[in-house]
Amino acid sequence: MLSDAIALARSFGLESELFFDAISGSASDSAYARGKGARILAGNRTPQFALNALLKDLRLAQATAGSPGANLLLDALERLFTAASDHGHGNEDVVWVYDAIDAQTSGKG
């Protein structure tokens, strides 16, 4: 996920812009990565797709997957997005799950 890649780079003390240099020309380089990454770097929280809307979709996917714990990835994503929403980022763009990841990687959360 883009948000955790940028947060991880920052946790190692790397300039976030270097992340984009690193993915340039690779399979990870995309208009989405560059556009959403630019939103993180600029601090643009205006939602294109609100974090709470994605959280609703994750919960629907979990319900479809069956019993609790049936899909470890969905469960982990739901916990992460719930933490971000609980910290007041629910109405911001989905990339602001970055704040929850940054808090975890920096020991602030």
PDB file of N, CA and C in Angstrom:
ATOM      1  N   MET A   1       0.841  -1.161   0.000  1.00  0.00           N
ATOM      2  CA  MET A   1       0.000   0.000   0.000  1.00  0.00           C
ATOM      3  C   MET A   1       0.895   1.237   0.000  1.00  0.00           C
ATOM      4  N   LEU A   2       0.495   2.232  -0.730  1.00  0.00           N
ATOM      5  CA  LEU A   2       1.268   3.461  -0.891  1.00  0.00           C
ATOM      6  C   LEU A   2       1.510   4.171   0.431  1.00  0.00           C
ATOM      7  N   SER A   3       0.477   4.311   1.240  1.00  0.00           N
ATOM      8  CA  SER A   3       0.616   5.040   2.497  1.00  0.00           C
ATOM      9  C   SER A   3       1.658   4.400   3.401  1.00  0.00           C
ATOM     10  N   ASP A   4       1.646   3.067   3.499  1.00  0.00           N
ATOM     11  CA  ASP A   4       2.626   2.449   4.378  1.00  0.00           C
ATOM     12  C   ASP A   4       4.024   2.488   3.795  1.00  0.00           C
ATOM     13  N   ALA A   5       4.165   2.477   2.494  1.00  0.00           N
ATOM     14  CA  ALA A   5       5.493   2.598   1.883  1.00  0.00           C
ATOM     15  C   ALA A   5       6.109   3.964   2.189  1.00  0.00           C
ATOM     16  N   ILE A   6       5.319   5.022   2.095  1.00  0.00           N
ATOM     17  CA  ILE A   6       5.821   6.364   2.389  1.00  0.00           C
ATOM     18  C   ILE A   6       6.104   6.497   3.883  1.00  0.00           C
ATOM     19  N   ALA A   7       5.220   5.958   4.734  1.00  0.00           N
ATOM     20  CA  ALA A   7       5.449   6.010   6.179  1.00  0.00           C
ATOM     21  C   ALA A   7       6.702   5.225   6.558  1.00  0.00           C
ATOM     22  N   LEU A   8       6.906   4.070   5.937  1.00  0.00           N
ATOM     23  CA  LEU A   8       8.098   3.272   6.214  1.00  0.00           C
ATOM     24  C   LEU A   8       9.362   4.023   5.813  1.00  0.00           C
ATOM     25  N   ALA A   9       9.331   4.649   4.640  1.00  0.00           N
ATOM     26  CA  ALA A   9      10.490   5.439   4.201  1.00  0.00           C
ATOM     27  C   ALA A   9      10.791   6.549   5.213  1.00  0.00           C
ATOM     28  N   ARG A  10       9.756   7.227   5.667  1.00  0.00           N
ATOM     29  CA  ARG A  10       9.949   8.298   6.667  1.00  0.00           C
ATOM     30  C   ARG A  10      10.470   7.746   7.980  1.00  0.00           C
ATOM     31  N   SER A  11      10.008   6.547   8.382  1.00  0.00           N
ATOM     32  CA  SER A  11      10.459   5.969   9.654  1.00  0.00           C
ATOM     33  C   SER A  11      11.953   5.655   9.624  1.00  0.00           C
ATOM     34  N   PHE A  12      12.491   5.444   8.426  1.00  0.00           N
ATOM     35  CA  PHE A  12      13.928   5.216   8.268  1.00  0.00           C
ATOM     36  C   PHE A  12      14.691   6.520   8.056  1.00  0.00           C
ATOM     37  N   GLY A  13      13.967   7.639   8.128  1.00  0.00           N
ATOM     38  CA  GLY A  13      14.601   8.938   7.977  1.00  0.00           C
ATOM     39  C   GLY A  13      14.850   9.338   6.535  1.00  0.00           C
ATOM     40  N   LEU A  14      14.211   8.643   5.585  1.00  0.00           N
ATOM     41  CA  LEU A  14      14.391   8.953   4.176  1.00  0.00           C
ATOM     42  C   LEU A  14      13.408  10.030   3.744  1.00  0.00           C
ATOM     43  N   GLU A  15      13.830  10.874   2.853  1.00  0.00           N
ATOM     44  CA  GLU A  15      12.933  11.874   2.281  1.00  0.00           C
ATOM     45  C   GLU A  15      11.882  11.141   1.446  1.00  0.00           C
ATOM     46  N   SER A  16      10.638  11.518   1.638  1.00  0.00           N
ATOM     47  CA  SER A  16       9.543  10.844   0.939  1.00  0.00           C
ATOM     48  C   SER A  16       9.687  10.916  -0.572  1.00  0.00           C
ATOM     49  N   GLU A  17      10.234  12.006  -1.070  1.00  0.00           N
ATOM     50  CA  GLU A  17      10.397  12.158  -2.511  1.00  0.00           C
ATOM     51  C   GLU A  17      11.298  11.063  -3.090  1.00  0.00           C
ATOM     52  N   LEU A  18      12.235  10.546  -2.277  1.00  0.00           N
ATOM     53  CA  LEU A  18      13.123   9.486  -2.751  1.00  0.00           C
ATOM     54  C   LEU A  18      12.360   8.199  -3.041  1.00  0.00           C
ATOM     55  N   PHE A  19      11.225   8.017  -2.366  1.00  0.00           N
ATOM     56  CA  PHE A  19      10.390   6.858  -2.642  1.00  0.00           C
ATOM     57  C   PHE A  19       9.976   6.845  -4.111  1.00  0.00           C
ATOM     58  N   PHE A  20       9.597   8.025  -4.613  1.00  0.00           N
ATOM     59  CA  PHE A  20       9.154   8.111  -6.006  1.00  0.00           C
ATOM     60  C   PHE A  20      10.309   7.917  -6.973  1.00  0.00           C
ATOM     61  N   ASP A  21      11.497   8.335  -6.584  1.00  0.00           N
ATOM     62  CA  ASP A  21      12.681   8.046  -7.398  1.00  0.00           C
ATOM     63  C   ASP A  21      12.911   6.537  -7.446  1.00  0.00           C
ATOM     64  N   ALA A  22      12.726   5.878  -6.300  1.00  0.00           N
ATOM     65  CA  ALA A  22      12.971   4.438  -6.209  1.00  0.00           C
ATOM     66  C   ALA A  22      11.995   3.623  -7.060  1.00  0.00           C
ATOM     67  N   ILE A  23      10.742   4.046  -7.143  1.00  0.00           N
ATOM     68  CA  ILE A  23       9.768   3.257  -7.921  1.00  0.00           C
ATOM     69  C   ILE A  23       9.699   3.679  -9.389  1.00  0.00           C
ATOM     70  N   SER A  24      10.371   4.752  -9.721  1.00  0.00           N
ATOM     71  CA  SER A  24      10.302   5.272 -11.093  1.00  0.00           C
ATOM     72  C   SER A  24      10.631   4.194 -12.125  1.00  0.00           C
ATOM     73  N   GLY A  25       9.710   3.993 -13.039  1.00  0.00           N
ATOM     74  CA  GLY A  25       9.896   3.037 -14.121  1.00  0.00           C
ATOM     75  C   GLY A  25       9.633   1.589 -13.739  1.00  0.00           C
ATOM     76  N   SER A  26       9.287   1.334 -12.468  1.00  0.00           N
ATOM     77  CA  SER A  26       9.030  -0.042 -12.035  1.00  0.00           C
ATOM     78  C   SER A  26       7.535  -0.351 -12.143  1.00  0.00           C
ATOM     79  N   ALA A  27       7.181  -1.583 -11.823  1.00  0.00           N
ATOM     80  CA  ALA A  27       5.774  -1.975 -11.841  1.00  0.00           C
ATOM     81  C   ALA A  27       4.964  -1.210 -10.790  1.00  0.00           C
ATOM     82  N   SER A  28       5.626  -0.703  -9.759  1.00  0.00           N
ATOM     83  CA  SER A  28       4.934   0.061  -8.708  1.00  0.00           C
ATOM     84  C   SER A  28       4.665   1.505  -9.094  1.00  0.00           C
ATOM     85  N   ASP A  29       5.305   1.964 -10.145  1.00  0.00           N
ATOM     86  CA  ASP A  29       5.147   3.347 -10.601  1.00  0.00           C
ATOM     87  C   ASP A  29       3.848   3.451 -11.393  1.00  0.00           C
ATOM     88  N   SER A  30       2.963   4.329 -10.927  1.00  0.00           N
ATOM     89  CA  SER A  30       1.675   4.475 -11.610  1.00  0.00           C
ATOM     90  C   SER A  30       1.152   5.885 -11.387  1.00  0.00           C
ATOM     91  N   ALA A  31       0.167   6.249 -12.176  1.00  0.00           N
ATOM     92  CA  ALA A  31      -0.475   7.554 -11.995  1.00  0.00           C
ATOM     93  C   ALA A  31      -1.130   7.616 -10.618  1.00  0.00           C
ATOM     94  N   TYR A  32      -1.700   6.506 -10.162  1.00  0.00           N
ATOM     95  CA  TYR A  32      -2.316   6.469  -8.836  1.00  0.00           C
ATOM     96  C   TYR A  32      -1.269   6.737  -7.759  1.00  0.00           C
ATOM     97  N   ALA A  33      -0.147   6.027  -7.805  1.00  0.00           N
ATOM     98  CA  ALA A  33       0.903   6.206  -6.794  1.00  0.00           C
ATOM     99  C   ALA A  33       1.410   7.638  -6.783  1.00  0.00           C
ATOM    100  N   ARG A  34       1.625   8.188  -7.942  1.00  0.00           N
ATOM    101  CA  ARG A  34       2.146   9.560  -8.003  1.00  0.00           C
ATOM    102  C   ARG A  34       1.094  10.579  -7.559  1.00  0.00           C
ATOM    103  N   GLY A  35      -0.155  10.384  -7.972  1.00  0.00           N
ATOM    104  CA  GLY A  35      -1.215  11.325  -7.602  1.00  0.00           C
ATOM    105  C   GLY A  35      -1.540  11.282  -6.119  1.00  0.00           C
ATOM    106  N   LYS A  36      -1.737  10.082  -5.591  1.00  0.00           N
ATOM    107  CA  LYS A  36      -2.043   9.950  -4.168  1.00  0.00           C
ATOM    108  C   LYS A  36      -0.819  10.304  -3.322  1.00  0.00           C
ATOM    109  N   GLY A  37       0.357   9.931  -3.782  1.00  0.00           N
ATOM    110  CA  GLY A  37       1.579  10.286  -3.061  1.00  0.00           C
ATOM    111  C   GLY A  37       1.762  11.784  -2.970  1.00  0.00           C
ATOM    112  N   ALA A  38       1.437  12.480  -4.039  1.00  0.00           N
ATOM    113  CA  ALA A  38       1.527  13.943  -4.034  1.00  0.00           C
ATOM    114  C   ALA A  38       0.569  14.537  -3.012  1.00  0.00           C
ATOM    115  N   ARG A  39      -0.594  13.899  -2.832  1.00  0.00           N
ATOM    116  CA  ARG A  39      -1.559  14.370  -1.827  1.00  0.00           C
ATOM    117  C   ARG A  39      -0.972  14.248  -0.423  1.00  0.00           C
ATOM    118  N   ILE A  40      -0.294  13.136  -0.144  1.00  0.00           N
ATOM    119  CA  ILE A  40       0.332  12.954   1.167  1.00  0.00           C
ATOM    120  C   ILE A  40       1.412  14.010   1.376  1.00  0.00           C
ATOM    121  N   LEU A  41       2.289  14.162   0.386  1.00  0.00           N
ATOM    122  CA  LEU A  41       3.399  15.099   0.521  1.00  0.00           C
ATOM    123  C   LEU A  41       2.925  16.537   0.659  1.00  0.00           C
ATOM    124  N   ALA A  42       1.800  16.869   0.013  1.00  0.00           N
ATOM    125  CA  ALA A  42       1.266  18.232   0.080  1.00  0.00           C
ATOM    126  C   ALA A  42       0.356  18.441   1.290  1.00  0.00           C
ATOM    127  N   GLY A  43       0.026  17.348   1.998  1.00  0.00           N
ATOM    128  CA  GLY A  43      -0.885  17.457   3.132  1.00  0.00           C
ATOM    129  C   GLY A  43      -2.328  17.673   2.714  1.00  0.00           C
ATOM    130  N   ASN A  44      -2.673  17.312   1.480  1.00  0.00           N
ATOM    131  CA  ASN A  44      -4.025  17.509   0.947  1.00  0.00           C
ATOM    132  C   ASN A  44      -4.951  16.417   1.473  1.00  0.00           C
ATOM    133  N   ARG A  45      -5.856  16.794   2.350  1.00  0.00           N
ATOM    134  CA  ARG A  45      -6.770  15.846   2.972  1.00  0.00           C
ATOM    135  C   ARG A  45      -8.165  15.854   2.346  1.00  0.00           C
ATOM    136  N   THR A  46      -8.379  16.666   1.319  1.00  0.00           N
ATOM    137  CA  THR A  46      -9.684  16.718   0.651  1.00  0.00           C
ATOM    138  C   THR A  46      -9.998  15.336   0.085  1.00  0.00           C
ATOM    139  N   PRO A  47     -11.132  14.764   0.460  1.00  0.00           N
ATOM    140  CA  PRO A  47     -11.403  13.392   0.029  1.00  0.00           C
ATOM    141  C   PRO A  47     -11.785  13.270  -1.445  1.00  0.00           C
ATOM    142  N   GLN A  48     -11.133  12.352  -2.120  1.00  0.00           N
ATOM    143  CA  GLN A  48     -11.597  11.864  -3.408  1.00  0.00           C
ATOM    144  C   GLN A  48     -12.420  10.602  -3.141  1.00  0.00           C
ATOM    145  N   PHE A  49     -11.990   9.858  -2.134  1.00  0.00           N
ATOM    146  CA  PHE A  49     -12.723   8.695  -1.621  1.00  0.00           C
ATOM    147  C   PHE A  49     -12.451   8.673  -0.127  1.00  0.00           C
ATOM    148  N   ALA A  50     -13.492   8.921   0.678  1.00  0.00           N
ATOM    149  CA  ALA A  50     -13.320   9.061   2.123  1.00  0.00           C
ATOM    150  C   ALA A  50     -12.913   7.743   2.770  1.00  0.00           C
ATOM    151  N   LEU A  51     -12.058   7.859   3.762  1.00  0.00           N
ATOM    152  CA  LEU A  51     -11.564   6.707   4.495  1.00  0.00           C
ATOM    153  C   LEU A  51     -12.712   5.884   5.081  1.00  0.00           C
ATOM    154  N   ASN A  52     -13.736   6.542   5.635  1.00  0.00           N
ATOM    155  CA  ASN A  52     -14.871   5.798   6.199  1.00  0.00           C
ATOM    156  C   ASN A  52     -15.643   5.028   5.134  1.00  0.00           C
ATOM    157  N   ALA A  53     -15.670   5.509   3.902  1.00  0.00           N
ATOM    158  CA  ALA A  53     -16.340   4.774   2.825  1.00  0.00           C
ATOM    159  C   ALA A  53     -15.581   3.481   2.524  1.00  0.00           C
ATOM    160  N   LEU A  54     -14.254   3.560   2.532  1.00  0.00           N
ATOM    161  CA  LEU A  54     -13.458   2.350   2.315  1.00  0.00           C
ATOM    162  C   LEU A  54     -13.608   1.394   3.496  1.00  0.00           C
ATOM    163  N   LEU A  55     -13.677   1.939   4.694  1.00  0.00           N
ATOM    164  CA  LEU A  55     -13.876   1.107   5.881  1.00  0.00           C
ATOM    165  C   LEU A  55     -15.194   0.340   5.792  1.00  0.00           C
ATOM    166  N   LYS A  56     -16.249   1.009   5.321  1.00  0.00           N
ATOM    167  CA  LYS A  56     -17.543   0.336   5.116  1.00  0.00           C
ATOM    168  C   LYS A  56     -17.375  -0.815   4.124  1.00  0.00           C
ATOM    169  N   ASP A  57     -16.655  -0.560   3.025  1.00  0.00           N
ATOM    170  CA  ASP A  57     -16.439  -1.591   2.010  1.00  0.00           C
ATOM    171  C   ASP A  57     -15.619  -2.758   2.563  1.00  0.00           C
ATOM    172  N   LEU A  58     -14.620  -2.454   3.393  1.00  0.00           N
ATOM    173  CA  LEU A  58     -13.819  -3.518   4.008  1.00  0.00           C
ATOM    174  C   LEU A  58     -14.698  -4.404   4.896  1.00  0.00           C
ATOM    175  N   ARG A  59     -15.584  -3.773   5.643  1.00  0.00           N
ATOM    176  CA  ARG A  59     -16.468  -4.541   6.528  1.00  0.00           C
ATOM    177  C   ARG A  59     -17.448  -5.401   5.741  1.00  0.00           C
ATOM    178  N   LEU A  60     -17.918  -4.888   4.605  1.00  0.00           N
ATOM    179  CA  LEU A  60     -18.771  -5.703   3.736  1.00  0.00           C
ATOM    180  C   LEU A  60     -17.997  -6.890   3.167  1.00  0.00           C
ATOM    181  N   ALA A  61     -16.756  -6.655   2.782  1.00  0.00           N
ATOM    182  CA  ALA A  61     -15.924  -7.747   2.267  1.00  0.00           C
ATOM    183  C   ALA A  61     -15.664  -8.788   3.353  1.00  0.00           C
ATOM    184  N   GLN A  62     -15.433  -8.335   4.587  1.00  0.00           N
ATOM    185  CA  GLN A  62     -15.248  -9.276   5.692  1.00  0.00           C
ATOM    186  C   GLN A  62     -16.497 -10.137   5.897  1.00  0.00           C
ATOM    187  N   ALA A  63     -17.660  -9.506   5.851  1.00  0.00           N
ATOM    188  CA  ALA A  63     -18.912 -10.241   6.035  1.00  0.00           C
ATOM    189  C   ALA A  63     -19.088 -11.269   4.929  1.00  0.00           C
ATOM    190  N   THR A  64     -18.695 -10.920   3.726  1.00  0.00           N
ATOM    191  CA  THR A  64     -18.794 -11.831   2.591  1.00  0.00           C
ATOM    192  C   THR A  64     -17.803 -12.979   2.708  1.00  0.00           C
ATOM    193  N   ALA A  65     -16.644 -12.687   3.321  1.00  0.00           N
ATOM    194  CA  ALA A  65     -15.589 -13.699   3.450  1.00  0.00           C
ATOM    195  C   ALA A  65     -15.982 -14.820   4.400  1.00  0.00           C
ATOM    196  N   GLY A  66     -16.962 -14.582   5.257  1.00  0.00           N
ATOM    197  CA  GLY A  66     -17.404 -15.644   6.160  1.00  0.00           C
ATOM    198  C   GLY A  66     -17.052 -15.361   7.593  1.00  0.00           C
ATOM    199  N   SER A  67     -16.586 -16.392   8.265  1.00  0.00           N
ATOM    200  CA  SER A  67     -16.339 -16.300   9.707  1.00  0.00           C
ATOM    201  C   SER A  67     -15.232 -15.288  10.026  1.00  0.00           C
ATOM    202  N   PRO A  68     -15.284 -14.706  11.239  1.00  0.00           N
ATOM    203  CA  PRO A  68     -14.223 -13.776  11.644  1.00  0.00           C
ATOM    204  C   PRO A  68     -12.856 -14.448  11.525  1.00  0.00           C
ATOM    205  N   GLY A  69     -11.912 -13.719  11.014  1.00  0.00           N
ATOM    206  CA  GLY A  69     -10.571 -14.260  10.838  1.00  0.00           C
ATOM    207  C   GLY A  69     -10.393 -15.048   9.559  1.00  0.00           C
ATOM    208  N   ALA A  70     -11.448 -15.141   8.730  1.00  0.00           N
ATOM    209  CA  ALA A  70     -11.355 -15.922   7.499  1.00  0.00           C
ATOM    210  C   ALA A  70     -10.368 -15.306   6.512  1.00  0.00           C
ATOM    211  N   ASN A  71     -10.182 -14.025   6.602  1.00  0.00           N
ATOM    212  CA  ASN A  71      -9.256 -13.356   5.693  1.00  0.00           C
ATOM    213  C   ASN A  71      -8.364 -12.424   6.507  1.00  0.00           C
ATOM    214  N   LEU A  72      -7.153 -12.871   6.770  1.00  0.00           N
ATOM    215  CA  LEU A  72      -6.235 -12.114   7.621  1.00  0.00           C
ATOM    216  C   LEU A  72      -5.917 -10.736   7.049  1.00  0.00           C
ATOM    217  N   LEU A  73      -5.820 -10.628   5.737  1.00  0.00           N
ATOM    218  CA  LEU A  73      -5.525  -9.333   5.127  1.00  0.00           C
ATOM    219  C   LEU A  73      -6.666  -8.351   5.356  1.00  0.00           C
ATOM    220  N   LEU A  74      -7.902  -8.787   5.106  1.00  0.00           N
ATOM    221  CA  LEU A  74      -9.052  -7.903   5.340  1.00  0.00           C
ATOM    222  C   LEU A  74      -9.140  -7.502   6.804  1.00  0.00           C
ATOM    223  N   ASP A  75      -8.864  -8.438   7.699  1.00  0.00           N
ATOM    224  CA  ASP A  75      -8.919  -8.137   9.133  1.00  0.00           C
ATOM    225  C   ASP A  75      -7.859  -7.100   9.513  1.00  0.00           C
ATOM    226  N   ALA A  76      -6.658  -7.258   8.990  1.00  0.00           N
ATOM    227  CA  ALA A  76      -5.584  -6.300   9.293  1.00  0.00           C
ATOM    228  C   ALA A  76      -5.903  -4.922   8.731  1.00  0.00           C
ATOM    229  N   LEU A  77      -6.419  -4.883   7.513  1.00  0.00           N
ATOM    230  CA  LEU A  77      -6.788  -3.598   6.911  1.00  0.00           C
ATOM    231  C   LEU A  77      -7.917  -2.935   7.683  1.00  0.00           C
ATOM    232  N   GLU A  78      -8.886  -3.728   8.124  1.00  0.00           N
ATOM    233  CA  GLU A  78      -9.999  -3.170   8.884  1.00  0.00           C
ATOM    234  C   GLU A  78      -9.496  -2.565  10.191  1.00  0.00           C
ATOM    235  N   ARG A  79      -8.578  -3.226  10.882  1.00  0.00           N
ATOM    236  CA  ARG A  79      -8.022  -2.676  12.127  1.00  0.00           C
ATOM    237  C   ARG A  79      -7.284  -1.366  11.860  1.00  0.00           C
ATOM    238  N   LEU A  80      -6.503  -1.326  10.789  1.00  0.00           N
ATOM    239  CA  LEU A  80      -5.739  -0.132  10.451  1.00  0.00           C
ATOM    240  C   LEU A  80      -6.657   1.038  10.095  1.00  0.00           C
ATOM    241  N   PHE A  81      -7.633   0.786   9.242  1.00  0.00           N
ATOM    242  CA  PHE A  81      -8.546   1.857   8.833  1.00  0.00           C
ATOM    243  C   PHE A  81      -9.453   2.293   9.984  1.00  0.00           C
ATOM    244  N   THR A  82      -9.797   1.365  10.876  1.00  0.00           N
ATOM    245  CA  THR A  82     -10.569   1.735  12.060  1.00  0.00           C
ATOM    246  C   THR A  82      -9.740   2.650  12.958  1.00  0.00           C
ATOM    247  N   ALA A  83      -8.460   2.328  13.132  1.00  0.00           N
ATOM    248  CA  ALA A  83      -7.577   3.181  13.950  1.00  0.00           C
ATOM    249  C   ALA A  83      -7.493   4.582  13.352  1.00  0.00           C
ATOM    250  N   ALA A  84      -7.350   4.664  12.038  1.00  0.00           N
ATOM    251  CA  ALA A  84      -7.275   5.976  11.383  1.00  0.00           C
ATOM    252  C   ALA A  84      -8.584   6.737  11.550  1.00  0.00           C
ATOM    253  N   SER A  85      -9.705   6.052  11.407  1.00  0.00           N
ATOM    254  CA  SER A  85     -11.001   6.697  11.572  1.00  0.00           C
ATOM    255  C   SER A  85     -11.185   7.164  13.015  1.00  0.00           C
ATOM    256  N   ASP A  86     -10.801   6.316  13.964  1.00  0.00           N
ATOM    257  CA  ASP A  86     -10.922   6.660  15.381  1.00  0.00           C
ATOM    258  C   ASP A  86     -10.071   7.877  15.751  1.00  0.00           C
ATOM    259  N   HIS A  87      -9.016   8.108  14.978  1.00  0.00           N
ATOM    260  CA  HIS A  87      -8.152   9.269  15.222  1.00  0.00           C
ATOM    261  C   HIS A  87      -8.612  10.504  14.436  1.00  0.00           C
ATOM    262  N   GLY A  88      -9.834  10.449  13.872  1.00  0.00           N
ATOM    263  CA  GLY A  88     -10.423  11.620  13.246  1.00  0.00           C
ATOM    264  C   GLY A  88     -10.186  11.785  11.761  1.00  0.00           C
ATOM    265  N   HIS A  89      -9.739  10.732  11.076  1.00  0.00           N
ATOM    266  CA  HIS A  89      -9.431  10.844   9.649  1.00  0.00           C
ATOM    267  C   HIS A  89     -10.495  10.232   8.746  1.00  0.00           C
ATOM    268  N   GLY A  90     -11.649   9.865   9.323  1.00  0.00           N
ATOM    269  CA  GLY A  90     -12.681   9.162   8.571  1.00  0.00           C
ATOM    270  C   GLY A  90     -13.251   9.914   7.388  1.00  0.00           C
ATOM    271  N   ASN A  91     -13.309  11.229   7.464  1.00  0.00           N
ATOM    272  CA  ASN A  91     -13.869  12.012   6.368  1.00  0.00           C
ATOM    273  C   ASN A  91     -12.808  12.573   5.438  1.00  0.00           C
ATOM    274  N   GLU A  92     -11.563  12.181   5.668  1.00  0.00           N
ATOM    275  CA  GLU A  92     -10.465  12.611   4.796  1.00  0.00           C
ATOM    276  C   GLU A  92     -10.224  11.547   3.725  1.00  0.00           C
ATOM    277  N   ASP A  93      -9.365  11.857   2.774  1.00  0.00           N
ATOM    278  CA  ASP A  93      -9.054  10.911   1.705  1.00  0.00           C
ATOM    279  C   ASP A  93      -8.432   9.638   2.280  1.00  0.00           C
ATOM    280  N   VAL A  94      -8.665   8.522   1.619  1.00  0.00           N
ATOM    281  CA  VAL A  94      -8.157   7.229   2.085  1.00  0.00           C
ATOM    282  C   VAL A  94      -6.649   7.226   2.318  1.00  0.00           C
ATOM    283  N   VAL A  95      -5.906   8.061   1.601  1.00  0.00           N
ATOM    284  CA  VAL A  95      -4.448   8.053   1.803  1.00  0.00           C
ATOM    285  C   VAL A  95      -4.069   8.499   3.204  1.00  0.00           C
ATOM    286  N   TRP A  96      -5.009   9.119   3.937  1.00  0.00           N
ATOM    287  CA  TRP A  96      -4.667   9.577   5.275  1.00  0.00           C
ATOM    288  C   TRP A  96      -4.740   8.482   6.318  1.00  0.00           C
ATOM    289  N   VAL A  97      -4.893   7.233   5.869  1.00  0.00           N
ATOM    290  CA  VAL A  97      -4.584   6.103   6.730  1.00  0.00           C
ATOM    291  C   VAL A  97      -3.081   6.201   7.061  1.00  0.00           C
ATOM    292  N   TYR A  98      -2.373   6.987   6.240  1.00  0.00           N
ATOM    293  CA  TYR A  98      -0.952   7.255   6.465  1.00  0.00           C
ATOM    294  C   TYR A  98      -0.686   7.692   7.900  1.00  0.00           C
ATOM    295  N   ASP A  99      -1.535   8.550   8.471  1.00  0.00           N
ATOM    296  CA  ASP A  99      -1.316   9.046   9.823  1.00  0.00           C
ATOM    297  C   ASP A  99      -1.310   7.909  10.843  1.00  0.00           C
ATOM    298  N   ALA A 100      -2.201   6.933  10.693  1.00  0.00           N
ATOM    299  CA  ALA A 100      -2.238   5.798  11.597  1.00  0.00           C
ATOM    300  C   ALA A 100      -0.995   4.933  11.439  1.00  0.00           C
ATOM    301  N   ILE A 101      -0.553   4.750  10.199  1.00  0.00           N
ATOM    302  CA  ILE A 101       0.657   3.970   9.942  1.00  0.00           C
ATOM    303  C   ILE A 101       1.878   4.707  10.490  1.00  0.00           C
ATOM    304  N   ASP A 102       1.947   5.999  10.251  1.00  0.00           N
ATOM    305  CA  ASP A 102       3.069   6.791  10.739  1.00  0.00           C
ATOM    306  C   ASP A 102       3.150   6.745  12.259  1.00  0.00           C
ATOM    307  N   ALA A 103       1.999   6.821  12.922  1.00  0.00           N
ATOM    308  CA  ALA A 103       1.971   6.758  14.387  1.00  0.00           C
ATOM    309  C   ALA A 103       2.503   5.399  14.878  1.00  0.00           C
ATOM    310  N   GLN A 104       2.157   4.328  14.173  1.00  0.00           N
ATOM    311  CA  GLN A 104       2.622   2.996  14.567  1.00  0.00           C
ATOM    312  C   GLN A 104       4.124   2.839  14.341  1.00  0.00           C
ATOM    313  N   THR A 105       4.615   3.301  13.180  1.00  0.00           N
ATOM    314  CA  THR A 105       6.025   3.124  12.851  1.00  0.00           C
ATOM    315  C   THR A 105       6.932   4.057  13.631  1.00  0.00           C
ATOM    316  N   SER A 106       6.390   5.184  14.086  1.00  0.00           N
ATOM    317  CA  SER A 106       7.216   6.133  14.836  1.00  0.00           C
ATOM    318  C   SER A 106       7.086   5.935  16.344  1.00  0.00           C
ATOM    319  N   GLY A 107       6.208   5.016  16.754  1.00  0.00           N
ATOM    320  CA  GLY A 107       6.003   4.768  18.174  1.00  0.00           C
ATOM    321  C   GLY A 107       5.088   5.776  18.842  1.00  0.00           C
ATOM    322  N   LYS A 108       4.389   6.604  18.032  1.00  0.00           N
ATOM    323  CA  LYS A 108       3.498   7.623  18.597  1.00  0.00           C
ATOM    324  C   LYS A 108       2.086   7.090  18.837  1.00  0.00           C
ATOM    325  N   GLY A 109       1.795   5.887  18.362  1.00  0.00           N
ATOM    326  CA  GLY A 109       0.398   5.453  18.461  1.00  0.00           C
ATOM    327  C   GLY A 109       0.180   4.117  18.971  1.00  0.00           C
TER     328      GLY A 109
END
